[in-house]
Amino acid sequence: MAPRSFMKLKMIRTSYGSPDGVQVEEYKKGETYDMRETLAVIFLKEGWAVKVEKSPRKTKDHGTAPENKTVKAKAPARNKSGRIGGSHGA
């Protein structure tokens, strides 16, 4: 089965349509809908809607990344023999 294609439409008049061939829904004037291409083509042909072009995604300039402010851990304490920690074992 081929993937379903969708279109984004803005309704220029309130109309009814069936997105799945069973249930009828109201599509209100001034609202924007993502709908299956099969229904969208009918709405466009009848003049009930206009296609909404996807605009390029806008991104905010967040500037540079913040400075890394992690604190370096101190080296573990060594005893007189050069071993780390206390005087455990031999």
Protein backbone atom coordinates (compact mmCIF):
# COMPACT_ATOMS: atom_id res chain seq x y z
CA MET A 1 0.00 0.00 0.00
CA ALA A 2 1.41 3.42 -0.98
CA PRO A 3 1.92 6.05 1.72
CA ARG A 4 -0.89 8.57 1.97
CA SER A 5 -0.15 12.08 0.79
CA PHE A 6 -1.38 15.07 2.74
CA MET A 7 -1.86 18.72 1.79
CA LYS A 8 -2.28 21.80 3.95
CA LEU A 9 -5.31 23.88 2.95
CA LYS A 10 -6.94 27.06 4.22
CA MET A 11 -10.68 27.03 3.83
CA ILE A 12 -12.19 30.04 2.07
CA ARG A 13 -15.72 28.82 2.72
CA THR A 14 -17.20 26.38 5.21
CA SER A 15 -17.72 22.97 3.60
CA TYR A 16 -18.27 19.36 4.53
CA GLY A 17 -16.13 16.43 3.49
CA SER A 18 -15.24 12.90 4.41
CA PRO A 19 -11.55 12.37 5.21
CA ASP A 20 -11.94 8.59 5.47
CA GLY A 21 -14.92 7.84 3.21
CA VAL A 22 -17.13 7.09 6.20
CA GLN A 23 -17.39 9.99 8.61
CA VAL A 24 -18.35 13.49 7.41
CA GLU A 25 -16.64 16.48 9.01
CA GLU A 26 -17.13 20.23 8.84
CA TYR A 27 -14.21 22.29 7.55
CA LYS A 28 -14.66 25.90 8.69
CA LYS A 29 -13.94 29.05 6.70
CA GLY A 30 -10.63 30.67 7.72
CA GLU A 31 -9.26 27.51 9.37
CA THR A 32 -6.21 25.62 8.11
CA TYR A 33 -6.24 21.84 7.84
CA ASP A 34 -3.86 19.02 6.95
CA MET A 35 -5.94 16.62 4.91
CA ARG A 36 -5.54 13.68 2.60
CA GLU A 37 -4.71 14.67 -0.93
CA THR A 38 -7.81 12.93 -2.31
CA LEU A 39 -10.11 15.25 -0.33
CA ALA A 40 -7.86 18.30 -0.74
CA VAL A 41 -8.01 18.03 -4.53
CA ILE A 42 -11.82 18.20 -4.43
CA PHE A 43 -11.81 21.25 -2.14
CA LEU A 44 -9.30 23.01 -4.42
CA LYS A 45 -11.20 22.13 -7.60
CA GLU A 46 -14.50 23.38 -6.16
CA GLY A 47 -12.84 26.61 -4.99
CA TRP A 48 -13.64 25.97 -1.34
CA ALA A 49 -10.00 26.14 -0.18
CA VAL A 50 -6.55 27.36 -1.16
CA LYS A 51 -3.29 25.49 -0.78
CA VAL A 52 -0.99 26.72 1.97
CA GLU A 53 2.65 26.55 0.98
CA LYS A 54 4.99 25.40 3.69
CA SER A 55 7.21 28.29 4.69
CA PRO A 56 10.86 27.66 5.51
CA ARG A 57 11.34 26.92 9.16
CA LYS A 58 12.47 29.98 11.07
CA THR A 59 15.28 29.53 13.54
CA LYS A 60 16.35 31.83 16.32
CA ASP A 61 19.92 33.01 16.67
CA HIS A 62 20.92 31.73 20.08
CA GLY A 63 24.43 33.16 19.86
CA THR A 64 27.40 31.18 21.01
CA ALA A 65 27.23 28.31 23.43
CA PRO A 66 27.80 29.21 27.07
CA GLU A 67 31.24 28.73 28.54
CA ASN A 68 31.84 25.35 30.10
CA LYS A 69 31.97 26.02 33.81
CA THR A 70 32.57 22.55 35.14
CA VAL A 71 35.07 22.36 37.98
CA LYS A 72 37.94 19.98 37.55
CA ALA A 73 38.06 17.38 40.29
CA LYS A 74 41.09 17.41 42.57
CA ALA A 75 43.40 14.45 42.33
CA PRO A 76 42.78 11.91 45.09
CA ALA A 77 45.00 12.24 48.15
CA ARG A 78 47.98 9.88 48.29
CA ASN A 79 49.65 8.56 51.39
CA LYS A 80 53.40 8.46 52.07
CA SER A 81 53.84 5.26 50.10
CA GLY A 82 52.23 6.83 47.04
CA ARG A 83 49.02 4.82 47.27
CA ILE A 84 45.61 6.43 46.97
CA GLY A 85 43.47 6.50 50.08
CA GLY A 86 44.17 5.21 53.58
CA SER A 87 46.45 2.46 54.78
CA HIS A 88 44.27 -0.54 53.99
CA GLY A 89 45.79 -4.00 53.71
CA ALA A 90 49.42 -4.82 53.17
